[in-house]
Amino acid sequence: MRKNKIIYWIVTVIFSVFMGFTAIPDVMLVPDAVKFMHHLGYPNYLPYL
């Protein structure tokens, strides 16, 4: 049971770190990210959410 818990938390932390890193360009409003969001038809305030 302890082994499963450790594996669960390792995977959860790795997933959270990757999600955080992929959100950085959107929050910083990198021009490529803004262009991509505009291409998809989303409003400019959406990357902050």
PDB file of N, CA and C in Angstrom:
ATOM      1  N   MET A   1       0.814  -1.190   0.000  1.00  0.00           N
ATOM      2  CA  MET A   1       0.000   0.000   0.000  1.00  0.00           C
ATOM      3  C   MET A   1       0.866   1.265   0.000  1.00  0.00           C
ATOM      4  N   ARG A   2       1.937   1.259   0.774  1.00  0.00           N
ATOM      5  CA  ARG A   2       2.818   2.417   0.849  1.00  0.00           C
ATOM      6  C   ARG A   2       3.485   2.676  -0.501  1.00  0.00           C
ATOM      7  N   LYS A   3       3.866   1.608  -1.202  1.00  0.00           N
ATOM      8  CA  LYS A   3       4.510   1.741  -2.508  1.00  0.00           C
ATOM      9  C   LYS A   3       3.557   2.427  -3.496  1.00  0.00           C
ATOM     10  N   ASN A   4       2.305   2.052  -3.469  1.00  0.00           N
ATOM     11  CA  ASN A   4       1.317   2.667  -4.356  1.00  0.00           C
ATOM     12  C   ASN A   4       1.132   4.144  -4.051  1.00  0.00           C
ATOM     13  N   LYS A   5       1.150   4.492  -2.791  1.00  0.00           N
ATOM     14  CA  LYS A   5       0.996   5.883  -2.387  1.00  0.00           C
ATOM     15  C   LYS A   5       2.168   6.727  -2.875  1.00  0.00           C
ATOM     16  N   ILE A   6       3.367   6.195  -2.762  1.00  0.00           N
ATOM     17  CA  ILE A   6       4.557   6.915  -3.222  1.00  0.00           C
ATOM     18  C   ILE A   6       4.507   7.114  -4.731  1.00  0.00           C
ATOM     19  N   ILE A   7       4.158   6.079  -5.459  1.00  0.00           N
ATOM     20  CA  ILE A   7       4.048   6.181  -6.920  1.00  0.00           C
ATOM     21  C   ILE A   7       2.973   7.198  -7.297  1.00  0.00           C
ATOM     22  N   TYR A   8       1.850   7.169  -6.607  1.00  0.00           N
ATOM     23  CA  TYR A   8       0.767   8.124  -6.867  1.00  0.00           C
ATOM     24  C   TYR A   8       1.256   9.559  -6.713  1.00  0.00           C
ATOM     25  N   TRP A   9       1.942   9.858  -5.612  1.00  0.00           N
ATOM     26  CA  TRP A   9       2.385  11.224  -5.364  1.00  0.00           C
ATOM     27  C   TRP A   9       3.478  11.658  -6.324  1.00  0.00           C
ATOM     28  N   ILE A  10       4.349  10.756  -6.712  1.00  0.00           N
ATOM     29  CA  ILE A  10       5.383  11.109  -7.692  1.00  0.00           C
ATOM     30  C   ILE A  10       4.748  11.474  -9.023  1.00  0.00           C
ATOM     31  N   VAL A  11       3.815  10.664  -9.484  1.00  0.00           N
ATOM     32  CA  VAL A  11       3.132  10.944 -10.754  1.00  0.00           C
ATOM     33  C   VAL A  11       2.327  12.232 -10.656  1.00  0.00           C
ATOM     34  N   THR A  12       1.667  12.465  -9.535  1.00  0.00           N
ATOM     35  CA  THR A  12       0.877  13.679  -9.348  1.00  0.00           C
ATOM     36  C   THR A  12       1.755  14.929  -9.383  1.00  0.00           C
ATOM     37  N   VAL A  13       2.897  14.884  -8.727  1.00  0.00           N
ATOM     38  CA  VAL A  13       3.804  16.039  -8.722  1.00  0.00           C
ATOM     39  C   VAL A  13       4.365  16.283 -10.114  1.00  0.00           C
ATOM     40  N   ILE A  14       4.771  15.250 -10.802  1.00  0.00           N
ATOM     41  CA  ILE A  14       5.308  15.414 -12.162  1.00  0.00           C
ATOM     42  C   ILE A  14       4.247  16.007 -13.081  1.00  0.00           C
ATOM     43  N   PHE A  15       3.028  15.505 -13.004  1.00  0.00           N
ATOM     44  CA  PHE A  15       1.939  16.022 -13.826  1.00  0.00           C
ATOM     45  C   PHE A  15       1.669  17.497 -13.508  1.00  0.00           C
ATOM     46  N   SER A  16       1.671  17.845 -12.236  1.00  0.00           N
ATOM     47  CA  SER A  16       1.424  19.229 -11.824  1.00  0.00           C
ATOM     48  C   SER A  16       2.515  20.169 -12.325  1.00  0.00           C
ATOM     49  N   VAL A  17       3.749  19.717 -12.273  1.00  0.00           N
ATOM     50  CA  VAL A  17       4.868  20.543 -12.760  1.00  0.00           C
ATOM     51  C   VAL A  17       4.732  20.770 -14.262  1.00  0.00           C
ATOM     52  N   PHE A  18       4.409  19.732 -15.014  1.00  0.00           N
ATOM     53  CA  PHE A  18       4.228  19.892 -16.462  1.00  0.00           C
ATOM     54  C   PHE A  18       3.067  20.835 -16.773  1.00  0.00           C
ATOM     55  N   MET A  19       1.979  20.721 -16.037  1.00  0.00           N
ATOM     56  CA  MET A  19       0.838  21.615 -16.257  1.00  0.00           C
ATOM     57  C   MET A  19       1.223  23.061 -15.942  1.00  0.00           C
ATOM     58  N   GLY A  20       2.007  23.252 -14.907  1.00  0.00           N
ATOM     59  CA  GLY A  20       2.455  24.598 -14.562  1.00  0.00           C
ATOM     60  C   GLY A  20       3.358  25.193 -15.620  1.00  0.00           C
ATOM     61  N   PHE A  21       4.292  24.388 -16.128  1.00  0.00           N
ATOM     62  CA  PHE A  21       5.201  24.884 -17.163  1.00  0.00           C
ATOM     63  C   PHE A  21       4.480  25.213 -18.461  1.00  0.00           C
ATOM     64  N   THR A  22       3.449  24.472 -18.798  1.00  0.00           N
ATOM     65  CA  THR A  22       2.730  24.774 -20.034  1.00  0.00           C
ATOM     66  C   THR A  22       1.838  25.993 -19.890  1.00  0.00           C
ATOM     67  N   ALA A  23       1.532  26.407 -18.668  1.00  0.00           N
ATOM     68  CA  ALA A  23       0.684  27.584 -18.456  1.00  0.00           C
ATOM     69  C   ALA A  23       1.484  28.884 -18.462  1.00  0.00           C
ATOM     70  N   ILE A  24       2.786  28.807 -18.274  1.00  0.00           N
ATOM     71  CA  ILE A  24       3.616  30.014 -18.180  1.00  0.00           C
ATOM     72  C   ILE A  24       3.511  30.896 -19.427  1.00  0.00           C
ATOM     73  N   PRO A  25       3.626  30.371 -20.648  1.00  0.00           N
ATOM     74  CA  PRO A  25       3.514  31.252 -21.822  1.00  0.00           C
ATOM     75  C   PRO A  25       2.159  31.949 -21.920  1.00  0.00           C
ATOM     76  N   ASP A  26       1.087  31.273 -21.519  1.00  0.00           N
ATOM     77  CA  ASP A  26      -0.229  31.896 -21.587  1.00  0.00           C
ATOM     78  C   ASP A  26      -0.350  33.036 -20.585  1.00  0.00           C
ATOM     79  N   VAL A  27       0.123  32.826 -19.379  1.00  0.00           N
ATOM     80  CA  VAL A  27       0.016  33.845 -18.348  1.00  0.00           C
ATOM     81  C   VAL A  27       0.902  35.048 -18.667  1.00  0.00           C
ATOM     82  N   MET A  28       2.060  34.814 -19.252  1.00  0.00           N
ATOM     83  CA  MET A  28       2.976  35.902 -19.588  1.00  0.00           C
ATOM     84  C   MET A  28       2.597  36.582 -20.900  1.00  0.00           C
ATOM     85  N   LEU A  29       1.568  36.080 -21.557  1.00  0.00           N
ATOM     86  CA  LEU A  29       1.095  36.606 -22.837  1.00  0.00           C
ATOM     87  C   LEU A  29       2.208  36.672 -23.885  1.00  0.00           C
ATOM     88  N   VAL A  30       2.881  35.566 -24.055  1.00  0.00           N
ATOM     89  CA  VAL A  30       3.878  35.434 -25.105  1.00  0.00           C
ATOM     90  C   VAL A  30       3.157  35.604 -26.448  1.00  0.00           C
ATOM     91  N   PRO A  31       3.740  36.366 -27.379  1.00  0.00           N
ATOM     92  CA  PRO A  31       3.035  36.638 -28.639  1.00  0.00           C
ATOM     93  C   PRO A  31       2.542  35.385 -29.371  1.00  0.00           C
ATOM     94  N   ASP A  32       3.324  34.320 -29.364  1.00  0.00           N
ATOM     95  CA  ASP A  32       2.878  33.105 -30.036  1.00  0.00           C
ATOM     96  C   ASP A  32       1.644  32.500 -29.363  1.00  0.00           C
ATOM     97  N   ALA A  33       1.603  32.566 -28.040  1.00  0.00           N
ATOM     98  CA  ALA A  33       0.448  32.035 -27.316  1.00  0.00           C
ATOM     99  C   ALA A  33      -0.794  32.881 -27.581  1.00  0.00           C
ATOM    100  N   VAL A  34      -0.620  34.196 -27.627  1.00  0.00           N
ATOM    101  CA  VAL A  34      -1.751  35.085 -27.911  1.00  0.00           C
ATOM    102  C   VAL A  34      -2.260  34.838 -29.324  1.00  0.00           C
ATOM    103  N   LYS A  35      -1.343  34.685 -30.256  1.00  0.00           N
ATOM    104  CA  LYS A  35      -1.720  34.424 -31.652  1.00  0.00           C
ATOM    105  C   LYS A  35      -2.488  33.105 -31.765  1.00  0.00           C
ATOM    106  N   PHE A  36      -2.033  32.089 -31.063  1.00  0.00           N
ATOM    107  CA  PHE A  36      -2.691  30.790 -31.089  1.00  0.00           C
ATOM    108  C   PHE A  36      -4.100  30.878 -30.503  1.00  0.00           C
ATOM    109  N   MET A  37      -4.248  31.566 -29.370  1.00  0.00           N
ATOM    110  CA  MET A  37      -5.567  31.697 -28.753  1.00  0.00           C
ATOM    111  C   MET A  37      -6.513  32.504 -29.652  1.00  0.00           C
ATOM    112  N   HIS A  38      -5.969  33.534 -30.299  1.00  0.00           N
ATOM    113  CA  HIS A  38      -6.789  34.330 -31.215  1.00  0.00           C
ATOM    114  C   HIS A  38      -7.209  33.484 -32.418  1.00  0.00           C
ATOM    115  N   HIS A  39      -6.307  32.638 -32.899  1.00  0.00           N
ATOM    116  CA  HIS A  39      -6.613  31.759 -34.032  1.00  0.00           C
ATOM    117  C   HIS A  39      -7.752  30.796 -33.677  1.00  0.00           C
ATOM    118  N   LEU A  40      -7.805  30.350 -32.437  1.00  0.00           N
ATOM    119  CA  LEU A  40      -8.870  29.448 -32.001  1.00  0.00           C
ATOM    120  C   LEU A  40     -10.190  30.178 -31.757  1.00  0.00           C
ATOM    121  N   GLY A  41     -10.141  31.527 -31.728  1.00  0.00           N
ATOM    122  CA  GLY A  41     -11.350  32.314 -31.560  1.00  0.00           C
ATOM    123  C   GLY A  41     -11.677  32.661 -30.118  1.00  0.00           C
ATOM    124  N   TYR A  42     -10.725  32.463 -29.219  1.00  0.00           N
ATOM    125  CA  TYR A  42     -10.955  32.774 -27.808  1.00  0.00           C
ATOM    126  C   TYR A  42     -10.666  34.244 -27.534  1.00  0.00           C
ATOM    127  N   PRO A  43     -11.365  34.845 -26.556  1.00  0.00           N
ATOM    128  CA  PRO A  43     -11.078  36.242 -26.210  1.00  0.00           C
ATOM    129  C   PRO A  43      -9.723  36.379 -25.528  1.00  0.00           C
ATOM    130  N   ASN A  44      -9.220  37.620 -25.472  1.00  0.00           N
ATOM    131  CA  ASN A  44      -7.875  37.872 -24.942  1.00  0.00           C
ATOM    132  C   ASN A  44      -7.741  37.600 -23.441  1.00  0.00           C
ATOM    133  N   TYR A  45      -8.829  37.682 -22.699  1.00  0.00           N
ATOM    134  CA  TYR A  45      -8.735  37.470 -21.249  1.00  0.00           C
ATOM    135  C   TYR A  45      -8.672  36.000 -20.875  1.00  0.00           C
ATOM    136  N   LEU A  46      -8.951  35.102 -21.777  1.00  0.00           N
ATOM    137  CA  LEU A  46      -9.007  33.675 -21.451  1.00  0.00           C
ATOM    138  C   LEU A  46      -7.695  33.066 -20.993  1.00  0.00           C
ATOM    139  N   PRO A  47      -6.530  33.440 -21.547  1.00  0.00           N
ATOM    140  CA  PRO A  47      -5.292  32.822 -21.057  1.00  0.00           C
ATOM    141  C   PRO A  47      -5.027  33.038 -19.560  1.00  0.00           C
ATOM    142  N   TYR A  48      -5.558  34.104 -18.989  1.00  0.00           N
ATOM    143  CA  TYR A  48      -5.341  34.337 -17.562  1.00  0.00           C
ATOM    144  C   TYR A  48      -6.113  33.341 -16.697  1.00  0.00           C
ATOM    145  N   LEU A  49      -7.184  32.801 -17.230  1.00  0.00           N
ATOM    146  CA  LEU A  49      -7.974  31.852 -16.457  1.00  0.00           C
ATOM    147  C   LEU A  49      -7.264  30.533 -16.379  1.00  0.00           C
TER     148      LEU A  49
END
